[in-house]
Amino acid sequence: MLSEDDTERLREIRKKSRILVALGSCAILRGIPGLRRFIQNGGLKTSPITMYVDVDYYVRGCPIDRYELLDLIGRILRSEWFKQGRRGFPS
């Protein structure tokens, strides 16, 4: 979980941003701990960025795919808004 300061900082970034892009598996899927469905209460807890703010686009992977990032940047620069499919694991 994010600290209160981190949460507030993230919300301020969202308010000031026209477009917010989540980069990498940790931001999108809660990272490796988030993929481990067998973590019990009291274990390491993480949260995807979408638990705190709305995200416009995602660049998946660890490491991210540079071609996917460049494609997204190109689309944004050309004002080609599109609906990106959401991938993830249930909470």
PDB file of N, CA and C in Angstrom:
ATOM      1  N   MET A   1       0.829  -1.177   0.000  1.00  0.00           N
ATOM      2  CA  MET A   1       0.000   0.000   0.000  1.00  0.00           C
ATOM      3  C   MET A   1       0.879   1.248   0.000  1.00  0.00           C
ATOM      4  N   LEU A   2       0.388   2.286  -0.628  1.00  0.00           N
ATOM      5  CA  LEU A   2       1.119   3.549  -0.645  1.00  0.00           C
ATOM      6  C   LEU A   2       0.928   4.280   0.678  1.00  0.00           C
ATOM      7  N   SER A   3       1.930   5.054   1.033  1.00  0.00           N
ATOM      8  CA  SER A   3       1.792   5.902   2.217  1.00  0.00           C
ATOM      9  C   SER A   3       0.812   7.028   1.885  1.00  0.00           C
ATOM     10  N   GLU A   4       0.359   7.724   2.906  1.00  0.00           N
ATOM     11  CA  GLU A   4      -0.544   8.855   2.691  1.00  0.00           C
ATOM     12  C   GLU A   4       0.109   9.925   1.828  1.00  0.00           C
ATOM     13  N   ASP A   5       1.403  10.189   2.067  1.00  0.00           N
ATOM     14  CA  ASP A   5       2.124  11.185   1.271  1.00  0.00           C
ATOM     15  C   ASP A   5       2.208  10.771  -0.191  1.00  0.00           C
ATOM     16  N   ASP A   6       2.526   9.501  -0.426  1.00  0.00           N
ATOM     17  CA  ASP A   6       2.614   9.001  -1.802  1.00  0.00           C
ATOM     18  C   ASP A   6       1.259   9.055  -2.492  1.00  0.00           C
ATOM     19  N   THR A   7       0.219   8.697  -1.771  1.00  0.00           N
ATOM     20  CA  THR A   7      -1.136   8.723  -2.333  1.00  0.00           C
ATOM     21  C   THR A   7      -1.521  10.142  -2.722  1.00  0.00           C
ATOM     22  N   GLU A   8      -1.266  11.085  -1.846  1.00  0.00           N
ATOM     23  CA  GLU A   8      -1.588  12.487  -2.138  1.00  0.00           C
ATOM     24  C   GLU A   8      -0.779  12.999  -3.320  1.00  0.00           C
ATOM     25  N   ARG A   9       0.503  12.647  -3.372  1.00  0.00           N
ATOM     26  CA  ARG A   9       1.355  13.049  -4.489  1.00  0.00           C
ATOM     27  C   ARG A   9       0.842  12.493  -5.814  1.00  0.00           C
ATOM     28  N   LEU A  10       0.428  11.242  -5.791  1.00  0.00           N
ATOM     29  CA  LEU A  10      -0.114  10.615  -6.995  1.00  0.00           C
ATOM     30  C   LEU A  10      -1.403  11.298  -7.440  1.00  0.00           C
ATOM     31  N   ARG A  11      -2.260  11.635  -6.506  1.00  0.00           N
ATOM     32  CA  ARG A  11      -3.513  12.335  -6.845  1.00  0.00           C
ATOM     33  C   ARG A  11      -3.235  13.727  -7.406  1.00  0.00           C
ATOM     34  N   GLU A  12      -2.223  14.415  -6.879  1.00  0.00           N
ATOM     35  CA  GLU A  12      -1.847  15.720  -7.411  1.00  0.00           C
ATOM     36  C   GLU A  12      -1.314  15.591  -8.839  1.00  0.00           C
ATOM     37  N   ILE A  13      -0.506  14.573  -9.075  1.00  0.00           N
ATOM     38  CA  ILE A  13       0.003  14.327 -10.429  1.00  0.00           C
ATOM     39  C   ILE A  13      -1.163  14.085 -11.381  1.00  0.00           C
ATOM     40  N   ARG A  14      -2.136  13.288 -10.964  1.00  0.00           N
ATOM     41  CA  ARG A  14      -3.303  13.000 -11.805  1.00  0.00           C
ATOM     42  C   ARG A  14      -4.079  14.271 -12.110  1.00  0.00           C
ATOM     43  N   LYS A  15      -4.271  15.130 -11.114  1.00  0.00           N
ATOM     44  CA  LYS A  15      -5.013  16.381 -11.317  1.00  0.00           C
ATOM     45  C   LYS A  15      -4.343  17.279 -12.345  1.00  0.00           C
ATOM     46  N   LYS A  16      -3.013  17.293 -12.334  1.00  0.00           N
ATOM     47  CA  LYS A  16      -2.252  18.177 -13.215  1.00  0.00           C
ATOM     48  C   LYS A  16      -1.986  17.567 -14.584  1.00  0.00           C
ATOM     49  N   SER A  17      -2.315  16.295 -14.762  1.00  0.00           N
ATOM     50  CA  SER A  17      -1.978  15.596 -16.004  1.00  0.00           C
ATOM     51  C   SER A  17      -3.190  15.442 -16.905  1.00  0.00           C
ATOM     52  N   ARG A  18      -2.986  15.752 -18.152  1.00  0.00           N
ATOM     53  CA  ARG A  18      -4.051  15.500 -19.127  1.00  0.00           C
ATOM     54  C   ARG A  18      -4.130  14.012 -19.444  1.00  0.00           C
ATOM     55  N   ILE A  19      -2.982  13.364 -19.485  1.00  0.00           N
ATOM     56  CA  ILE A  19      -2.891  11.935 -19.778  1.00  0.00           C
ATOM     57  C   ILE A  19      -1.962  11.304 -18.747  1.00  0.00           C
ATOM     58  N   LEU A  20      -2.404  10.192 -18.175  1.00  0.00           N
ATOM     59  CA  LEU A  20      -1.557   9.462 -17.231  1.00  0.00           C
ATOM     60  C   LEU A  20      -1.327   8.058 -17.775  1.00  0.00           C
ATOM     61  N   VAL A  21      -0.062   7.687 -17.904  1.00  0.00           N
ATOM     62  CA  VAL A  21       0.317   6.389 -18.429  1.00  0.00           C
ATOM     63  C   VAL A  21       0.996   5.595 -17.311  1.00  0.00           C
ATOM     64  N   ALA A  22       0.503   4.391 -17.068  1.00  0.00           N
ATOM     65  CA  ALA A  22       1.139   3.488 -16.104  1.00  0.00           C
ATOM     66  C   ALA A  22       2.199   2.679 -16.851  1.00  0.00           C
ATOM     67  N   LEU A  23       3.418   2.711 -16.349  1.00  0.00           N
ATOM     68  CA  LEU A  23       4.532   2.025 -16.998  1.00  0.00           C
ATOM     69  C   LEU A  23       4.961   0.808 -16.196  1.00  0.00           C
ATOM     70  N   GLY A  24       4.892  -0.356 -16.815  1.00  0.00           N
ATOM     71  CA  GLY A  24       5.436  -1.568 -16.227  1.00  0.00           C
ATOM     72  C   GLY A  24       4.466  -2.382 -15.408  1.00  0.00           C
ATOM     73  N   SER A  25       4.842  -3.622 -15.221  1.00  0.00           N
ATOM     74  CA  SER A  25       3.999  -4.589 -14.514  1.00  0.00           C
ATOM     75  C   SER A  25       3.719  -4.202 -13.075  1.00  0.00           C
ATOM     76  N   CYS A  26       4.677  -3.598 -12.405  1.00  0.00           N
ATOM     77  CA  CYS A  26       4.452  -3.239 -10.996  1.00  0.00           C
ATOM     78  C   CYS A  26       3.329  -2.224 -10.864  1.00  0.00           C
ATOM     79  N   ALA A  27       3.296  -1.233 -11.736  1.00  0.00           N
ATOM     80  CA  ALA A  27       2.240  -0.217 -11.680  1.00  0.00           C
ATOM     81  C   ALA A  27       0.889  -0.788 -12.092  1.00  0.00           C
ATOM     82  N   ILE A  28       0.895  -1.737 -13.007  1.00  0.00           N
ATOM     83  CA  ILE A  28      -0.351  -2.243 -13.580  1.00  0.00           C
ATOM     84  C   ILE A  28      -0.906  -3.439 -12.818  1.00  0.00           C
ATOM     85  N   LEU A  29      -0.042  -4.384 -12.487  1.00  0.00           N
ATOM     86  CA  LEU A  29      -0.504  -5.653 -11.912  1.00  0.00           C
ATOM     87  C   LEU A  29      -0.081  -5.869 -10.464  1.00  0.00           C
ATOM     88  N   ARG A  30       0.449  -4.856  -9.833  1.00  0.00           N
ATOM     89  CA  ARG A  30       0.917  -4.964  -8.450  1.00  0.00           C
ATOM     90  C   ARG A  30       2.248  -5.696  -8.345  1.00  0.00           C
ATOM     91  N   GLY A  31       2.950  -5.844  -9.439  1.00  0.00           N
ATOM     92  CA  GLY A  31       4.271  -6.459  -9.406  1.00  0.00           C
ATOM     93  C   GLY A  31       4.243  -7.932  -9.054  1.00  0.00           C
ATOM     94  N   ILE A  32       5.390  -8.464  -8.778  1.00  0.00           N
ATOM     95  CA  ILE A  32       5.520  -9.886  -8.451  1.00  0.00           C
ATOM     96  C   ILE A  32       4.673 -10.267  -7.245  1.00  0.00           C
ATOM     97  N   PRO A  33       4.701  -9.488  -6.142  1.00  0.00           N
ATOM     98  CA  PRO A  33       3.846  -9.868  -5.008  1.00  0.00           C
ATOM     99  C   PRO A  33       2.362  -9.920  -5.385  1.00  0.00           C
ATOM    100  N   GLY A  34       1.939  -9.041  -6.285  1.00  0.00           N
ATOM    101  CA  GLY A  34       0.548  -9.046  -6.703  1.00  0.00           C
ATOM    102  C   GLY A  34       0.174 -10.273  -7.514  1.00  0.00           C
ATOM    103  N   LEU A  35       1.147 -10.855  -8.179  1.00  0.00           N
ATOM    104  CA  LEU A  35       0.896 -12.056  -8.964  1.00  0.00           C
ATOM    105  C   LEU A  35       0.810 -13.300  -8.084  1.00  0.00           C
ATOM    106  N   ARG A  36       1.357 -13.222  -6.889  1.00  0.00           N
ATOM    107  CA  ARG A  36       1.350 -14.360  -5.969  1.00  0.00           C
ATOM    108  C   ARG A  36       0.028 -14.380  -5.225  1.00  0.00           C
ATOM    109  N   ARG A  37      -0.896 -15.163  -5.682  1.00  0.00           N
ATOM    110  CA  ARG A  37      -2.235 -15.195  -5.093  1.00  0.00           C
ATOM    111  C   ARG A  37      -2.252 -15.860  -3.730  1.00  0.00           C
ATOM    112  N   PHE A  38      -1.164 -16.499  -3.354  1.00  0.00           N
ATOM    113  CA  PHE A  38      -1.163 -17.243  -2.108  1.00  0.00           C
ATOM    114  C   PHE A  38      -0.643 -16.428  -0.920  1.00  0.00           C
ATOM    115  N   ILE A  39      -0.395 -15.145  -1.101  1.00  0.00           N
ATOM    116  CA  ILE A  39       0.054 -14.327   0.024  1.00  0.00           C
ATOM    117  C   ILE A  39      -1.085 -14.224   1.041  1.00  0.00           C
ATOM    118  N   GLN A  40      -0.778 -14.531   2.251  1.00  0.00           N
ATOM    119  CA  GLN A  40      -1.770 -14.512   3.328  1.00  0.00           C
ATOM    120  C   GLN A  40      -1.854 -13.120   3.948  1.00  0.00           C
ATOM    121  N   ASN A  41      -2.882 -12.907   4.746  1.00  0.00           N
ATOM    122  CA  ASN A  41      -3.021 -11.643   5.466  1.00  0.00           C
ATOM    123  C   ASN A  41      -1.762 -11.391   6.276  1.00  0.00           C
ATOM    124  N   GLY A  42      -1.344 -10.149   6.301  1.00  0.00           N
ATOM    125  CA  GLY A  42      -0.137  -9.793   7.037  1.00  0.00           C
ATOM    126  C   GLY A  42       1.118  -9.895   6.193  1.00  0.00           C
ATOM    127  N   GLY A  43       1.017 -10.490   5.007  1.00  0.00           N
ATOM    128  CA  GLY A  43       2.173 -10.591   4.123  1.00  0.00           C
ATOM    129  C   GLY A  43       2.392  -9.284   3.386  1.00  0.00           C
ATOM    130  N   LEU A  44       3.344  -9.274   2.490  1.00  0.00           N
ATOM    131  CA  LEU A  44       3.631  -8.085   1.703  1.00  0.00           C
ATOM    132  C   LEU A  44       2.427  -7.737   0.858  1.00  0.00           C
ATOM    133  N   LYS A  45       1.992  -6.511   0.954  1.00  0.00           N
ATOM    134  CA  LYS A  45       0.827  -6.068   0.193  1.00  0.00           C
ATOM    135  C   LYS A  45       1.242  -4.986  -0.789  1.00  0.00           C
ATOM    136  N   THR A  46       0.767  -5.063  -1.994  1.00  0.00           N
ATOM    137  CA  THR A  46       1.004  -4.030  -2.991  1.00  0.00           C
ATOM    138  C   THR A  46      -0.308  -3.729  -3.671  1.00  0.00           C
ATOM    139  N   SER A  47      -0.379  -2.587  -4.351  1.00  0.00           N
ATOM    140  CA  SER A  47      -1.615  -2.181  -5.014  1.00  0.00           C
ATOM    141  C   SER A  47      -1.288  -1.613  -6.380  1.00  0.00           C
ATOM    142  N   PRO A  48      -2.133  -1.898  -7.361  1.00  0.00           N
ATOM    143  CA  PRO A  48      -1.924  -1.274  -8.669  1.00  0.00           C
ATOM    144  C   PRO A  48      -2.279   0.204  -8.581  1.00  0.00           C
ATOM    145  N   ILE A  49      -1.732   0.981  -9.476  1.00  0.00           N
ATOM    146  CA  ILE A  49      -1.957   2.423  -9.490  1.00  0.00           C
ATOM    147  C   ILE A  49      -3.446   2.760  -9.629  1.00  0.00           C
ATOM    148  N   THR A  50      -4.194   1.889 -10.285  1.00  0.00           N
ATOM    149  CA  THR A  50      -5.624   2.145 -10.495  1.00  0.00           C
ATOM    150  C   THR A  50      -6.436   2.098  -9.213  1.00  0.00           C
ATOM    151  N   MET A  51      -5.847   1.644  -8.128  1.00  0.00           N
ATOM    152  CA  MET A  51      -6.538   1.683  -6.835  1.00  0.00           C
ATOM    153  C   MET A  51      -6.588   3.112  -6.300  1.00  0.00           C
ATOM    154  N   TYR A  52      -5.782   3.995  -6.865  1.00  0.00           N
ATOM    155  CA  TYR A  52      -5.657   5.355  -6.352  1.00  0.00           C
ATOM    156  C   TYR A  52      -6.109   6.428  -7.332  1.00  0.00           C
ATOM    157  N   VAL A  53      -5.866   6.213  -8.620  1.00  0.00           N
ATOM    158  CA  VAL A  53      -6.203   7.220  -9.630  1.00  0.00           C
ATOM    159  C   VAL A  53      -6.633   6.525 -10.924  1.00  0.00           C
ATOM    160  N   ASP A  54      -7.313   7.278 -11.779  1.00  0.00           N
ATOM    161  CA  ASP A  54      -7.655   6.773 -13.107  1.00  0.00           C
ATOM    162  C   ASP A  54      -6.420   6.837 -13.994  1.00  0.00           C
ATOM    163  N   VAL A  55      -6.237   5.801 -14.791  1.00  0.00           N
ATOM    164  CA  VAL A  55      -5.102   5.714 -15.709  1.00  0.00           C
ATOM    165  C   VAL A  55      -5.655   5.684 -17.125  1.00  0.00           C
ATOM    166  N   ASP A  56      -5.042   6.466 -18.006  1.00  0.00           N
ATOM    167  CA  ASP A  56      -5.517   6.538 -19.386  1.00  0.00           C
ATOM    168  C   ASP A  56      -4.950   5.427 -20.261  1.00  0.00           C
ATOM    169  N   TYR A  57      -3.663   5.150 -20.114  1.00  0.00           N
ATOM    170  CA  TYR A  57      -3.015   4.132 -20.931  1.00  0.00           C
ATOM    171  C   TYR A  57      -2.013   3.338 -20.096  1.00  0.00           C
ATOM    172  N   TYR A  58      -1.717   2.141 -20.576  1.00  0.00           N
ATOM    173  CA  TYR A  58      -0.788   1.236 -19.910  1.00  0.00           C
ATOM    174  C   TYR A  58       0.291   0.807 -20.893  1.00  0.00           C
ATOM    175  N   VAL A  59       1.517   0.702 -20.407  1.00  0.00           N
ATOM    176  CA  VAL A  59       2.590   0.063 -21.169  1.00  0.00           C
ATOM    177  C   VAL A  59       3.026  -1.099 -20.298  1.00  0.00           C
ATOM    178  N   ARG A  60       2.675  -2.288 -20.739  1.00  0.00           N
ATOM    179  CA  ARG A  60       2.868  -3.491 -19.927  1.00  0.00           C
ATOM    180  C   ARG A  60       4.283  -4.040 -20.034  1.00  0.00           C
ATOM    181  N   GLY A  61       4.621  -4.891 -19.089  1.00  0.00           N
ATOM    182  CA  GLY A  61       5.866  -5.635 -19.174  1.00  0.00           C
ATOM    183  C   GLY A  61       6.878  -5.266 -18.108  1.00  0.00           C
ATOM    184  N   CYS A  62       7.850  -6.129 -17.974  1.00  0.00           N
ATOM    185  CA  CYS A  62       8.958  -5.924 -17.044  1.00  0.00           C
ATOM    186  C   CYS A  62      10.181  -6.619 -17.644  1.00  0.00           C
ATOM    187  N   PRO A  63      10.966  -5.894 -18.362  1.00  0.00           N
ATOM    188  CA  PRO A  63      10.888  -4.459 -18.634  1.00  0.00           C
ATOM    189  C   PRO A  63       9.811  -4.160 -19.678  1.00  0.00           C
ATOM    190  N   ILE A  64       9.432  -2.888 -19.776  1.00  0.00           N
ATOM    191  CA  ILE A  64       8.412  -2.520 -20.762  1.00  0.00           C
ATOM    192  C   ILE A  64       8.971  -2.720 -22.167  1.00  0.00           C
ATOM    193  N   ASP A  65       8.068  -2.880 -23.111  1.00  0.00           N
ATOM    194  CA  ASP A  65       8.443  -3.033 -24.520  1.00  0.00           C
ATOM    195  C   ASP A  65       8.625  -1.634 -25.117  1.00  0.00           C
ATOM    196  N   ARG A  66       9.832  -1.332 -25.542  1.00  0.00           N
ATOM    197  CA  ARG A  66      10.100   0.015 -26.046  1.00  0.00           C
ATOM    198  C   ARG A  66       9.274   0.357 -27.272  1.00  0.00           C
ATOM    199  N   TYR A  67       8.952  -0.642 -28.089  1.00  0.00           N
ATOM    200  CA  TYR A  67       8.154  -0.379 -29.286  1.00  0.00           C
ATOM    201  C   TYR A  67       6.711  -0.044 -28.917  1.00  0.00           C
ATOM    202  N   GLU A  68       6.199  -0.706 -27.894  1.00  0.00           N
ATOM    203  CA  GLU A  68       4.855  -0.374 -27.418  1.00  0.00           C
ATOM    204  C   GLU A  68       4.841   1.056 -26.862  1.00  0.00           C
ATOM    205  N   LEU A  69       5.880   1.427 -26.123  1.00  0.00           N
ATOM    206  CA  LEU A  69       5.971   2.784 -25.579  1.00  0.00           C
ATOM    207  C   LEU A  69       6.071   3.807 -26.697  1.00  0.00           C
ATOM    208  N   LEU A  70       6.936   3.564 -27.676  1.00  0.00           N
ATOM    209  CA  LEU A  70       7.088   4.503 -28.787  1.00  0.00           C
ATOM    210  C   LEU A  70       5.800   4.623 -29.595  1.00  0.00           C
ATOM    211  N   ASP A  71       5.095   3.508 -29.789  1.00  0.00           N
ATOM    212  CA  ASP A  71       3.812   3.544 -30.489  1.00  0.00           C
ATOM    213  C   ASP A  71       2.807   4.402 -29.726  1.00  0.00           C
ATOM    214  N   LEU A  72       2.741   4.218 -28.413  1.00  0.00           N
ATOM    215  CA  LEU A  72       1.817   5.006 -27.596  1.00  0.00           C
ATOM    216  C   LEU A  72       2.163   6.486 -27.647  1.00  0.00           C
ATOM    217  N   ILE A  73       3.432   6.820 -27.500  1.00  0.00           N
ATOM    218  CA  ILE A  73       3.851   8.226 -27.563  1.00  0.00           C
ATOM    219  C   ILE A  73       3.489   8.827 -28.916  1.00  0.00           C
ATOM    220  N   GLY A  74       3.728   8.081 -29.988  1.00  0.00           N
ATOM    221  CA  GLY A  74       3.373   8.561 -31.324  1.00  0.00           C
ATOM    222  C   GLY A  74       1.886   8.818 -31.461  1.00  0.00           C
ATOM    223  N   ARG A  75       1.059   7.911 -30.955  1.00  0.00           N
ATOM    224  CA  ARG A  75      -0.392   8.094 -31.013  1.00  0.00           C
ATOM    225  C   ARG A  75      -0.829   9.317 -30.218  1.00  0.00           C
ATOM    226  N   ILE A  76      -0.249   9.495 -29.053  1.00  0.00           N
ATOM    227  CA  ILE A  76      -0.599  10.652 -28.223  1.00  0.00           C
ATOM    228  C   ILE A  76      -0.199  11.947 -28.930  1.00  0.00           C
ATOM    229  N   LEU A  77       0.996  11.980 -29.508  1.00  0.00           N
ATOM    230  CA  LEU A  77       1.447  13.182 -30.208  1.00  0.00           C
ATOM    231  C   LEU A  77       0.587  13.502 -31.422  1.00  0.00           C
ATOM    232  N   ARG A  78       0.023  12.474 -32.040  1.00  0.00           N
ATOM    233  CA  ARG A  78      -0.860  12.674 -33.194  1.00  0.00           C
ATOM    234  C   ARG A  78      -2.326  12.832 -32.781  1.00  0.00           C
ATOM    235  N   SER A  79      -2.568  12.905 -31.473  1.00  0.00           N
ATOM    236  CA  SER A  79      -3.931  13.023 -30.922  1.00  0.00           C
ATOM    237  C   SER A  79      -4.829  11.890 -31.382  1.00  0.00           C
ATOM    238  N   GLU A  80      -4.268  10.699 -31.510  1.00  0.00           N
ATOM    239  CA  GLU A  80      -5.041   9.506 -31.881  1.00  0.00           C
ATOM    240  C   GLU A  80      -5.498   8.813 -30.602  1.00  0.00           C
ATOM    241  N   TRP A  81      -6.564   9.319 -30.003  1.00  0.00           N
ATOM    242  CA  TRP A  81      -7.068   8.731 -28.774  1.00  0.00           C
ATOM    243  C   TRP A  81      -7.714   7.397 -29.085  1.00  0.00           C
ATOM    244  N   PHE A  82      -7.479   6.424 -28.258  1.00  0.00           N
ATOM    245  CA  PHE A  82      -8.035   5.110 -28.488  1.00  0.00           C
ATOM    246  C   PHE A  82      -8.346   4.452 -27.160  1.00  0.00           C
ATOM    247  N   LYS A  83      -9.237   3.480 -27.214  1.00  0.00           N
ATOM    248  CA  LYS A  83      -9.594   2.714 -26.023  1.00  0.00           C
ATOM    249  C   LYS A  83      -8.658   1.526 -25.951  1.00  0.00           C
ATOM    250  N   GLN A  84      -7.914   1.454 -24.872  1.00  0.00           N
ATOM    251  CA  GLN A  84      -6.966   0.357 -24.696  1.00  0.00           C
ATOM    252  C   GLN A  84      -7.610  -0.714 -23.837  1.00  0.00           C
ATOM    253  N   GLY A  85      -7.528  -1.949 -24.257  1.00  0.00           N
ATOM    254  CA  GLY A  85      -8.083  -3.044 -23.482  1.00  0.00           C
ATOM    255  C   GLY A  85      -7.367  -3.191 -22.158  1.00  0.00           C
ATOM    256  N   ARG A  86      -8.102  -3.485 -21.133  1.00  0.00           N
ATOM    257  CA  ARG A  86      -7.498  -3.641 -19.799  1.00  0.00           C
ATOM    258  C   ARG A  86      -7.169  -5.105 -19.579  1.00  0.00           C
ATOM    259  N   ARG A  87      -5.941  -5.350 -19.166  1.00  0.00           N
ATOM    260  CA  ARG A  87      -5.526  -6.692 -18.807  1.00  0.00           C
ATOM    261  C   ARG A  87      -5.133  -6.660 -17.339  1.00  0.00           C
ATOM    262  N   GLY A  88      -5.387  -7.719 -16.661  1.00  0.00           N
ATOM    263  CA  GLY A  88      -4.991  -7.768 -15.274  1.00  0.00           C
ATOM    264  C   GLY A  88      -5.526  -9.003 -14.598  1.00  0.00           C
ATOM    265  N   PHE A  89      -5.255  -9.094 -13.336  1.00  0.00           N
ATOM    266  CA  PHE A  89      -5.729 -10.205 -12.538  1.00  0.00           C
ATOM    267  C   PHE A  89      -6.742  -9.692 -11.544  1.00  0.00           C
ATOM    268  N   PRO A  90      -7.746 -10.507 -11.215  1.00  0.00           N
ATOM    269  CA  PRO A  90      -8.725 -10.052 -10.234  1.00  0.00           C
ATOM    270  C   PRO A  90      -8.059  -9.831  -8.875  1.00  0.00           C
ATOM    271  N   SER A  91      -8.613  -8.897  -8.111  1.00  0.00           N
ATOM    272  CA  SER A  91      -8.058  -8.599  -6.780  1.00  0.00           C
ATOM    273  C   SER A  91      -8.266  -9.754  -5.844  1.00  0.00           C
TER     274      SER A  91
END
